[in-house]
Amino acid sequence: MSTHQGEGPITNLDARIAEAQREGWTGEVAGLEASLSSAMEKLAAMQAASKNGRTADFGMPTFKSPYGQVIEESRP
């Protein structure tokens, strides 16, 4: 088990980057590196917030209610 919560996904991304590099999947490497960078930023924010007794805000999405929207049925 990881010492710190959130390190598991980073370890997984490191392994996936290494595999993509071995296989020569350059596009995959670039995408995974971007994901790794974002994951590391989020982990740092979680750790900083934890030290201050707060929670980290990652901008969770909000969902608008579907009520009141008109959905037309298409008929053949």
Protein backbone atom coordinates (compact mmCIF):
# COMPACT_ATOMS: atom_id res chain seq x y z
CA MET A 1 0.00 0.00 0.00
CA SER A 2 1.24 3.51 -0.82
CA THR A 3 2.57 5.73 1.92
CA HIS A 4 0.51 8.65 0.63
CA GLN A 5 -2.94 8.56 -0.86
CA GLY A 6 -2.83 9.39 -4.56
CA GLU A 7 0.61 7.96 -5.30
CA GLY A 8 -0.81 4.78 -6.84
CA PRO A 9 -2.00 6.46 -10.05
CA ILE A 10 1.38 8.19 -10.41
CA THR A 11 3.22 4.88 -10.10
CA ASN A 12 0.84 3.38 -12.66
CA LEU A 13 1.44 6.25 -15.08
CA ASP A 14 5.22 5.87 -14.68
CA ALA A 15 4.93 2.20 -15.63
CA ARG A 16 2.68 2.98 -18.60
CA ILE A 17 5.10 5.65 -19.85
CA ALA A 18 7.99 3.19 -19.64
CA GLU A 19 5.97 0.61 -21.61
CA ALA A 20 4.99 3.15 -24.27
CA GLN A 21 8.63 4.23 -24.63
CA ARG A 22 9.76 0.59 -25.02
CA GLU A 23 7.11 0.00 -27.67
CA GLY A 24 7.84 3.25 -29.53
CA TRP A 25 4.36 4.71 -29.02
CA THR A 26 5.39 8.38 -29.13
CA GLY A 27 1.86 9.77 -29.16
CA GLU A 28 0.92 7.64 -26.17
CA VAL A 29 4.05 8.79 -24.33
CA ALA A 30 3.08 12.45 -24.83
CA GLY A 31 -0.46 11.88 -23.59
CA LEU A 32 0.66 9.89 -20.57
CA GLU A 33 3.26 12.51 -19.67
CA ALA A 34 0.55 15.19 -19.72
CA SER A 35 -1.61 13.00 -17.46
CA LEU A 36 1.35 12.42 -15.14
CA SER A 37 2.01 16.15 -14.87
CA SER A 38 -1.63 16.81 -13.97
CA ALA A 39 -1.69 13.94 -11.46
CA MET A 40 1.44 15.26 -9.75
CA GLU A 41 -0.08 18.75 -9.50
CA LYS A 42 -3.24 17.32 -7.94
CA LEU A 43 -1.25 15.21 -5.49
CA ALA A 44 0.78 18.27 -4.46
CA ALA A 45 -2.46 20.24 -3.95
CA MET A 46 -3.91 17.40 -1.84
CA GLN A 47 -0.77 17.21 0.29
CA ALA A 48 -0.64 20.99 0.79
CA ALA A 49 -4.33 21.13 1.71
CA SER A 50 -3.90 18.20 4.08
CA LYS A 51 -1.11 20.02 5.94
CA ASN A 52 -3.44 23.00 6.44
CA GLY A 53 -6.42 20.87 7.52
CA ARG A 54 -8.38 21.72 4.37
CA THR A 55 -9.65 19.84 1.38
CA ALA A 56 -8.39 20.38 -2.16
CA ASP A 57 -10.80 21.74 -4.78
CA PHE A 58 -10.34 20.08 -8.16
CA GLY A 59 -13.27 21.80 -9.85
CA MET A 60 -15.67 18.89 -9.79
CA PRO A 61 -18.17 19.16 -12.62
CA THR A 62 -21.71 20.26 -11.96
CA PHE A 63 -24.64 18.81 -13.81
CA LYS A 64 -27.59 20.84 -14.99
CA SER A 65 -31.03 19.40 -14.55
CA PRO A 66 -32.49 17.90 -17.74
CA TYR A 67 -35.98 18.96 -16.67
CA GLY A 68 -37.51 21.67 -18.74
CA GLN A 69 -35.60 20.77 -21.87
CA VAL A 70 -37.61 19.82 -24.91
CA ILE A 71 -36.45 16.65 -26.60
CA GLU A 72 -38.05 16.02 -29.97
CA GLU A 73 -38.54 12.49 -31.18
CA SER A 74 -37.46 11.78 -34.68
CA ARG A 75 -39.99 9.79 -36.67
CA PRO A 76 -39.25 7.94 -39.88
